[in-house]
Amino acid sequence: MEIDFNEQEKISFRSFLIFCFLLLIVLNAAFTLNSDYFRVSKVEVFGSNELINEDDLIKSALGKSLWLINNDTFSDTMLKSPTFEGIIIFKERPNKITIELTEYDKIMSITDLRGSVPKKSILFKNMIEIETDETYSIPSLTITNGPLPAGFNGELVSLIMTLKSYDLDVKSFNFIYNGDSFIGEYRAAIINFGKPLDLGSKSSALGSLIKNSECQGEISFISKEDIIANCL
């Protein structure tokens, strides 16, 4: 089928308009990305601690296009602190961002007495242990002898995360590991977990027992799910 000259002109004109429209979008996007008006000049940081330098985060963002800021912008700084779980970025046009850092949960405060000088550290949910003298309202563990069995930190994380799923005052738990037995204290009860194995299963059985009971004296595990206890 032949197309007359006028029809061809209409098709060409429509194609030209589409091309101009697309070109305008590209040029506008390029202008917006590179415009000084959208260059970051204000940065606020929330959730940082002594392990990460706020100035490093701020320097990573200053002068960059607001539209090009993302998590990768701060990856080098975040890698310096393994306790941070993630980063949330809020953008406020034309030139401000707010950075909110989220940290892994602090699981347990650990005091290691095996050396000539006691070492204090905090165990995080991702099983990273950071030496610090800071005190927090979390469960505590004192290690008097060793060595520690393989997967010890993982067992501790499983223990506390399971206890948190019950209606318990988890921060009131204190633990001692003497190189053989793992012992816990909670209110008027002494809990003998035996070897620090299957602590997740043991804490599940413990939580079910004490969440609605008053237990005094010794609670002993004879298996990962079986308990001997004096509870009311």
C-alpha atoms as a PDB file:
ATOM      1  CA  MET A   1       0.000   0.000   0.000  1.00  0.00           C
ATOM      2  CA  GLU A   2       1.370   3.386  -0.986  1.00  0.00           C
ATOM      3  CA  ILE A   3       1.491   6.195   1.559  1.00  0.00           C
ATOM      4  CA  ASP A   4       0.936   9.692   0.160  1.00  0.00           C
ATOM      5  CA  PHE A   5       3.380  12.536   0.801  1.00  0.00           C
ATOM      6  CA  ASN A   6       1.258  14.220   3.484  1.00  0.00           C
ATOM      7  CA  GLU A   7       0.983  11.011   5.464  1.00  0.00           C
ATOM      8  CA  GLN A   8       4.757  10.574   5.354  1.00  0.00           C
ATOM      9  CA  GLU A   9       5.201  14.119   6.625  1.00  0.00           C
ATOM     10  CA  LYS A  10       2.886  13.398   9.554  1.00  0.00           C
ATOM     11  CA  ILE A  11       4.806  10.251  10.462  1.00  0.00           C
ATOM     12  CA  SER A  12       8.154  12.075  10.234  1.00  0.00           C
ATOM     13  CA  PHE A  13       6.858  14.975  12.320  1.00  0.00           C
ATOM     14  CA  ARG A  14       5.539  12.615  15.033  1.00  0.00           C
ATOM     15  CA  SER A  15       8.890  10.801  15.076  1.00  0.00           C
ATOM     16  CA  PHE A  16      10.669  14.136  15.408  1.00  0.00           C
ATOM     17  CA  LEU A  17       8.442  15.156  18.337  1.00  0.00           C
ATOM     18  CA  ILE A  18       9.049  11.848  20.104  1.00  0.00           C
ATOM     19  CA  PHE A  19      12.803  12.247  19.600  1.00  0.00           C
ATOM     20  CA  CYS A  20      12.730  15.812  20.970  1.00  0.00           C
ATOM     21  CA  PHE A  21      10.686  14.710  23.963  1.00  0.00           C
ATOM     22  CA  LEU A  22      13.096  11.886  24.807  1.00  0.00           C
ATOM     23  CA  LEU A  23      16.073  14.206  24.301  1.00  0.00           C
ATOM     24  CA  LEU A  24      14.482  16.732  26.647  1.00  0.00           C
ATOM     25  CA  ILE A  25      14.049  14.048  29.327  1.00  0.00           C
ATOM     26  CA  VAL A  26      17.712  12.982  29.014  1.00  0.00           C
ATOM     27  CA  LEU A  27      18.983  16.565  29.125  1.00  0.00           C
ATOM     28  CA  ASN A  28      16.761  17.394  32.088  1.00  0.00           C
ATOM     29  CA  ALA A  29      17.964  14.310  33.979  1.00  0.00           C
ATOM     30  CA  ALA A  30      21.593  15.159  33.226  1.00  0.00           C
ATOM     31  CA  PHE A  31      21.054  18.742  34.364  1.00  0.00           C
ATOM     32  CA  THR A  32      19.347  17.612  37.578  1.00  0.00           C
ATOM     33  CA  LEU A  33      22.084  15.102  38.423  1.00  0.00           C
ATOM     34  CA  ASN A  34      24.857  17.608  37.875  1.00  0.00           C
ATOM     35  CA  SER A  35      23.167  20.743  39.125  1.00  0.00           C
ATOM     36  CA  ASP A  36      24.846  22.571  42.007  1.00  0.00           C
ATOM     37  CA  TYR A  37      21.360  23.197  43.368  1.00  0.00           C
ATOM     38  CA  PHE A  38      21.077  19.493  44.257  1.00  0.00           C
ATOM     39  CA  ARG A  39      24.598  19.106  45.675  1.00  0.00           C
ATOM     40  CA  VAL A  40      24.574  17.814  49.268  1.00  0.00           C
ATOM     41  CA  SER A  41      25.700  20.481  51.727  1.00  0.00           C
ATOM     42  CA  LYS A  42      23.880  19.402  54.893  1.00  0.00           C
ATOM     43  CA  VAL A  43      24.265  15.989  56.566  1.00  0.00           C
ATOM     44  CA  GLU A  44      22.828  14.711  59.850  1.00  0.00           C
ATOM     45  CA  VAL A  45      23.839  11.383  61.391  1.00  0.00           C
ATOM     46  CA  PHE A  46      21.901   9.400  63.994  1.00  0.00           C
ATOM     47  CA  GLY A  47      22.854   6.138  65.684  1.00  0.00           C
ATOM     48  CA  SER A  48      26.643   6.369  65.491  1.00  0.00           C
ATOM     49  CA  ASN A  49      28.948   5.271  68.311  1.00  0.00           C
ATOM     50  CA  GLU A  50      32.631   5.316  69.227  1.00  0.00           C
ATOM     51  CA  LEU A  51      33.399   2.651  66.624  1.00  0.00           C
ATOM     52  CA  ILE A  52      32.494   4.810  63.660  1.00  0.00           C
ATOM     53  CA  ASN A  53      33.556   8.346  62.794  1.00  0.00           C
ATOM     54  CA  GLU A  54      30.658  10.618  61.877  1.00  0.00           C
ATOM     55  CA  ASP A  55      33.030  12.914  59.996  1.00  0.00           C
ATOM     56  CA  ASP A  56      33.907  10.085  57.595  1.00  0.00           C
ATOM     57  CA  LEU A  57      30.216   9.584  56.758  1.00  0.00           C
ATOM     58  CA  ILE A  58      29.671  13.296  56.272  1.00  0.00           C
ATOM     59  CA  LYS A  59      32.736  13.683  54.036  1.00  0.00           C
ATOM     60  CA  SER A  60      31.533  10.797  51.864  1.00  0.00           C
ATOM     61  CA  ALA A  61      28.316  12.685  51.067  1.00  0.00           C
ATOM     62  CA  LEU A  62      29.278  16.366  50.909  1.00  0.00           C
ATOM     63  CA  GLY A  63      29.383  17.804  47.390  1.00  0.00           C
ATOM     64  CA  LYS A  64      27.769  14.780  45.751  1.00  0.00           C
ATOM     65  CA  SER A  65      24.517  14.894  43.829  1.00  0.00           C
ATOM     66  CA  LEU A  66      21.558  14.256  46.114  1.00  0.00           C
ATOM     67  CA  TRP A  67      20.168  11.794  43.553  1.00  0.00           C
ATOM     68  CA  LEU A  68      23.337   9.692  43.411  1.00  0.00           C
ATOM     69  CA  ILE A  69      23.632   9.158  47.185  1.00  0.00           C
ATOM     70  CA  ASN A  70      22.929   5.554  48.202  1.00  0.00           C
ATOM     71  CA  ASN A  71      24.226   2.882  50.599  1.00  0.00           C
ATOM     72  CA  ASP A  72      27.302   2.297  48.439  1.00  0.00           C
ATOM     73  CA  THR A  73      28.357   5.900  49.100  1.00  0.00           C
ATOM     74  CA  PHE A  74      29.155   4.915  52.696  1.00  0.00           C
ATOM     75  CA  SER A  75      30.321   1.325  52.221  1.00  0.00           C
ATOM     76  CA  ASP A  76      33.999   2.016  52.964  1.00  0.00           C
ATOM     77  CA  THR A  77      33.149   3.722  56.255  1.00  0.00           C
ATOM     78  CA  MET A  78      30.612   1.079  57.281  1.00  0.00           C
ATOM     79  CA  LEU A  79      33.106  -1.720  56.714  1.00  0.00           C
ATOM     80  CA  LYS A  80      35.247  -0.239  59.498  1.00  0.00           C
ATOM     81  CA  SER A  81      32.547  -1.115  62.044  1.00  0.00           C
ATOM     82  CA  PRO A  82      31.274  -4.719  61.860  1.00  0.00           C
ATOM     83  CA  THR A  83      28.627  -4.064  64.537  1.00  0.00           C
ATOM     84  CA  PHE A  84      26.424  -1.987  62.236  1.00  0.00           C
ATOM     85  CA  GLU A  85      23.652  -3.898  60.517  1.00  0.00           C
ATOM     86  CA  GLY A  86      22.525  -1.312  57.997  1.00  0.00           C
ATOM     87  CA  ILE A  87      22.039   2.290  56.999  1.00  0.00           C
ATOM     88  CA  ILE A  88      18.884   4.225  56.129  1.00  0.00           C
ATOM     89  CA  ILE A  89      19.157   7.405  54.066  1.00  0.00           C
ATOM     90  CA  PHE A  90      16.507  10.129  54.049  1.00  0.00           C
ATOM     91  CA  LYS A  91      16.784  12.768  51.313  1.00  0.00           C
ATOM     92  CA  GLU A  92      15.412  16.266  51.716  1.00  0.00           C
ATOM     93  CA  ARG A  93      15.473  18.402  48.604  1.00  0.00           C
ATOM     94  CA  PRO A  94      17.398  20.276  47.516  1.00  0.00           C
ATOM     95  CA  ASN A  95      20.623  19.585  49.445  1.00  0.00           C
ATOM     96  CA  LYS A  96      20.147  17.710  52.729  1.00  0.00           C
ATOM     97  CA  ILE A  97      20.389  14.060  53.754  1.00  0.00           C
ATOM     98  CA  THR A  98      19.810  12.358  57.087  1.00  0.00           C
ATOM     99  CA  ILE A  99      21.704   9.134  57.817  1.00  0.00           C
ATOM    100  CA  GLU A 100      20.292   6.664  60.333  1.00  0.00           C
ATOM    101  CA  LEU A 101      22.576   3.814  61.362  1.00  0.00           C
ATOM    102  CA  THR A 102      21.162   0.559  62.719  1.00  0.00           C
ATOM    103  CA  GLU A 103      23.359  -1.600  64.905  1.00  0.00           C
ATOM    104  CA  TYR A 104      23.131  -5.315  65.629  1.00  0.00           C
ATOM    105  CA  ASP A 105      21.594  -6.049  69.036  1.00  0.00           C
ATOM    106  CA  LYS A 106      23.985  -6.195  71.963  1.00  0.00           C
ATOM    107  CA  ILE A 107      23.618  -9.721  73.307  1.00  0.00           C
ATOM    108  CA  MET A 108      25.905 -10.054  76.294  1.00  0.00           C
ATOM    109  CA  SER A 109      28.599  -8.312  78.324  1.00  0.00           C
ATOM    110  CA  ILE A 110      31.587 -10.654  78.720  1.00  0.00           C
ATOM    111  CA  THR A 111      34.372 -10.537  81.307  1.00  0.00           C
ATOM    112  CA  ASP A 112      37.228 -12.945  80.562  1.00  0.00           C
ATOM    113  CA  LEU A 113      39.351 -13.744  83.627  1.00  0.00           C
ATOM    114  CA  ARG A 114      41.580 -16.352  82.010  1.00  0.00           C
ATOM    115  CA  GLY A 115      44.510 -14.002  81.435  1.00  0.00           C
ATOM    116  CA  SER A 116      46.622 -12.003  83.850  1.00  0.00           C
ATOM    117  CA  VAL A 117      44.573  -8.929  82.909  1.00  0.00           C
ATOM    118  CA  PRO A 118      40.768  -9.258  82.730  1.00  0.00           C
ATOM    119  CA  LYS A 119      39.270  -8.458  79.338  1.00  0.00           C
ATOM    120  CA  LYS A 120      35.839  -6.914  78.911  1.00  0.00           C
ATOM    121  CA  SER A 121      33.873  -7.091  75.697  1.00  0.00           C
ATOM    122  CA  ILE A 122      30.392  -6.921  74.207  1.00  0.00           C
ATOM    123  CA  LEU A 123      28.977  -9.742  72.087  1.00  0.00           C
ATOM    124  CA  PHE A 124      26.665  -8.623  69.269  1.00  0.00           C
ATOM    125  CA  LYS A 125      23.906 -10.531  67.502  1.00  0.00           C
ATOM    126  CA  ASN A 126      26.124 -11.159  64.470  1.00  0.00           C
ATOM    127  CA  MET A 127      28.549 -12.971  66.834  1.00  0.00           C
ATOM    128  CA  ILE A 128      31.144 -10.193  66.626  1.00  0.00           C
ATOM    129  CA  GLU A 129      32.878  -9.476  69.948  1.00  0.00           C
ATOM    130  CA  ILE A 130      34.198  -5.955  70.568  1.00  0.00           C
ATOM    131  CA  GLU A 131      36.455  -5.074  73.502  1.00  0.00           C
ATOM    132  CA  THR A 132      35.099  -2.149  75.522  1.00  0.00           C
ATOM    133  CA  ASP A 133      34.795  -0.927  79.106  1.00  0.00           C
ATOM    134  CA  GLU A 134      31.343   0.515  78.453  1.00  0.00           C
ATOM    135  CA  THR A 135      28.518  -0.916  80.565  1.00  0.00           C
ATOM    136  CA  TYR A 136      25.071  -1.757  79.223  1.00  0.00           C
ATOM    137  CA  SER A 137      21.864  -3.132  80.668  1.00  0.00           C
ATOM    138  CA  ILE A 138      22.248  -6.587  79.121  1.00  0.00           C
ATOM    139  CA  PRO A 139      23.002 -10.124  80.401  1.00  0.00           C
ATOM    140  CA  SER A 140      26.537 -10.733  81.638  1.00  0.00           C
ATOM    141  CA  LEU A 141      28.952 -13.636  81.353  1.00  0.00           C
ATOM    142  CA  THR A 142      32.120 -14.264  83.348  1.00  0.00           C
ATOM    143  CA  ILE A 143      34.611 -16.756  81.920  1.00  0.00           C
ATOM    144  CA  THR A 144      36.932 -18.189  84.576  1.00  0.00           C
ATOM    145  CA  ASN A 145      38.550 -21.041  82.677  1.00  0.00           C
ATOM    146  CA  GLY A 146      38.797 -22.461  79.192  1.00  0.00           C
ATOM    147  CA  PRO A 147      39.392 -23.089  76.386  1.00  0.00           C
ATOM    148  CA  LEU A 148      36.084 -22.099  74.799  1.00  0.00           C
ATOM    149  CA  PRO A 149      34.382 -24.759  72.673  1.00  0.00           C
ATOM    150  CA  ALA A 150      33.863 -24.199  68.955  1.00  0.00           C
ATOM    151  CA  GLY A 151      30.760 -22.182  68.183  1.00  0.00           C
ATOM    152  CA  PHE A 152      30.620 -20.750  71.718  1.00  0.00           C
ATOM    153  CA  ASN A 153      29.527 -17.249  70.640  1.00  0.00           C
ATOM    154  CA  GLY A 154      26.838 -18.716  68.422  1.00  0.00           C
ATOM    155  CA  GLU A 155      25.474 -20.670  71.368  1.00  0.00           C
ATOM    156  CA  LEU A 156      25.360 -17.486  73.453  1.00  0.00           C
ATOM    157  CA  VAL A 157      23.448 -15.620  70.749  1.00  0.00           C
ATOM    158  CA  SER A 158      20.979 -18.488  70.399  1.00  0.00           C
ATOM    159  CA  LEU A 159      20.541 -18.593  74.189  1.00  0.00           C
ATOM    160  CA  ILE A 160      19.699 -14.905  74.615  1.00  0.00           C
ATOM    161  CA  MET A 161      17.589 -14.528  71.468  1.00  0.00           C
ATOM    162  CA  THR A 162      15.467 -17.493  72.574  1.00  0.00           C
ATOM    163  CA  LEU A 163      15.046 -16.127  76.110  1.00  0.00           C
ATOM    164  CA  LYS A 164      13.937 -12.799  74.627  1.00  0.00           C
ATOM    165  CA  SER A 165      10.982 -14.537  73.016  1.00  0.00           C
ATOM    166  CA  TYR A 166       9.553 -15.188  76.499  1.00  0.00           C
ATOM    167  CA  ASP A 167       8.165 -12.671  78.959  1.00  0.00           C
ATOM    168  CA  LEU A 168      11.349 -12.576  81.035  1.00  0.00           C
ATOM    169  CA  ASP A 169      13.584  -9.862  82.417  1.00  0.00           C
ATOM    170  CA  VAL A 170      16.467 -11.034  80.221  1.00  0.00           C
ATOM    171  CA  LYS A 171      18.906  -8.348  81.380  1.00  0.00           C
ATOM    172  CA  SER A 172      18.744  -9.904  84.889  1.00  0.00           C
ATOM    173  CA  PHE A 173      20.445 -13.099  83.700  1.00  0.00           C
ATOM    174  CA  ASN A 174      24.077 -13.584  84.751  1.00  0.00           C
ATOM    175  CA  PHE A 175      26.211 -16.481  83.576  1.00  0.00           C
ATOM    176  CA  ILE A 176      29.507 -18.128  84.508  1.00  0.00           C
ATOM    177  CA  TYR A 177      31.543 -20.527  82.403  1.00  0.00           C
ATOM    178  CA  ASN A 178      34.303 -22.398  84.253  1.00  0.00           C
ATOM    179  CA  GLY A 179      35.675 -24.353  81.328  1.00  0.00           C
ATOM    180  CA  ASP A 180      33.340 -27.265  81.976  1.00  0.00           C
ATOM    181  CA  SER A 181      29.864 -26.175  83.070  1.00  0.00           C
ATOM    182  CA  PHE A 182      27.752 -23.229  81.986  1.00  0.00           C
ATOM    183  CA  ILE A 183      25.892 -21.811  84.986  1.00  0.00           C
ATOM    184  CA  GLY A 184      23.197 -19.160  85.007  1.00  0.00           C
ATOM    185  CA  GLU A 185      21.598 -17.028  87.692  1.00  0.00           C
ATOM    186  CA  TYR A 186      18.109 -15.574  87.412  1.00  0.00           C
ATOM    187  CA  ARG A 187      16.477 -14.045  90.475  1.00  0.00           C
ATOM    188  CA  ALA A 188      16.434 -16.772  93.137  1.00  0.00           C
ATOM    189  CA  ALA A 189      17.326 -19.597  90.765  1.00  0.00           C
ATOM    190  CA  ILE A 190      20.674 -21.141  89.830  1.00  0.00           C
ATOM    191  CA  ILE A 191      20.571 -22.829  86.425  1.00  0.00           C
ATOM    192  CA  ASN A 192      23.022 -25.577  85.562  1.00  0.00           C
ATOM    193  CA  PHE A 193      23.029 -25.868  81.765  1.00  0.00           C
ATOM    194  CA  GLY A 194      25.813 -28.450  81.806  1.00  0.00           C
ATOM    195  CA  LYS A 195      28.051 -28.196  78.759  1.00  0.00           C
ATOM    196  CA  PRO A 196      27.473 -25.049  76.654  1.00  0.00           C
ATOM    197  CA  LEU A 197      25.796 -27.054  73.909  1.00  0.00           C
ATOM    198  CA  ASP A 198      22.257 -26.788  72.516  1.00  0.00           C
ATOM    199  CA  LEU A 199      21.739 -23.600  74.518  1.00  0.00           C
ATOM    200  CA  GLY A 200      18.949 -22.516  72.180  1.00  0.00           C
ATOM    201  CA  SER A 201      16.914 -25.659  72.948  1.00  0.00           C
ATOM    202  CA  LYS A 202      17.752 -25.471  76.642  1.00  0.00           C
ATOM    203  CA  SER A 203      16.720 -21.828  76.887  1.00  0.00           C
ATOM    204  CA  SER A 204      13.429 -22.652  75.172  1.00  0.00           C
ATOM    205  CA  ALA A 205      12.691 -25.284  77.815  1.00  0.00           C
ATOM    206  CA  LEU A 206      13.833 -22.894  80.542  1.00  0.00           C
ATOM    207  CA  GLY A 207      11.690 -20.045  79.262  1.00  0.00           C
ATOM    208  CA  SER A 208       8.604 -22.251  79.160  1.00  0.00           C
ATOM    209  CA  LEU A 209       9.288 -23.280  82.754  1.00  0.00           C
ATOM    210  CA  ILE A 210       9.976 -19.965  84.444  1.00  0.00           C
ATOM    211  CA  LYS A 211       7.814 -17.497  82.493  1.00  0.00           C
ATOM    212  CA  ASN A 212       4.806 -18.324  84.719  1.00  0.00           C
ATOM    213  CA  SER A 213       6.565 -19.897  87.708  1.00  0.00           C
ATOM    214  CA  GLU A 214       8.626 -18.827  90.700  1.00  0.00           C
ATOM    215  CA  CYS A 215      11.679 -21.046  90.796  1.00  0.00           C
ATOM    216  CA  GLN A 216      14.145 -21.166  93.697  1.00  0.00           C
ATOM    217  CA  GLY A 217      17.317 -23.103  94.239  1.00  0.00           C
ATOM    218  CA  GLU A 218      18.920 -25.129  91.482  1.00  0.00           C
ATOM    219  CA  ILE A 219      17.511 -25.885  88.059  1.00  0.00           C
ATOM    220  CA  SER A 220      19.430 -28.650  86.300  1.00  0.00           C
ATOM    221  CA  PHE A 221      19.313 -29.916  82.735  1.00  0.00           C
ATOM    222  CA  ILE A 222      19.546 -33.673  82.347  1.00  0.00           C
ATOM    223  CA  SER A 223      19.099 -33.326  78.569  1.00  0.00           C
ATOM    224  CA  LYS A 224      18.545 -30.400  76.220  1.00  0.00           C
ATOM    225  CA  GLU A 225      14.794 -30.476  76.970  1.00  0.00           C
ATOM    226  CA  ASP A 226      14.478 -32.231  80.346  1.00  0.00           C
ATOM    227  CA  ILE A 227      14.815 -30.261  83.577  1.00  0.00           C
ATOM    228  CA  ILE A 228      14.904 -30.979  87.300  1.00  0.00           C
ATOM    229  CA  ALA A 229      13.658 -27.928  89.204  1.00  0.00           C
ATOM    230  CA  ASN A 230      11.923 -26.631  92.317  1.00  0.00           C
ATOM    231  CA  CYS A 231       9.227 -24.295  91.021  1.00  0.00           C
ATOM    232  CA  LEU A 232       5.860 -23.129  92.307  1.00  0.00           C
END
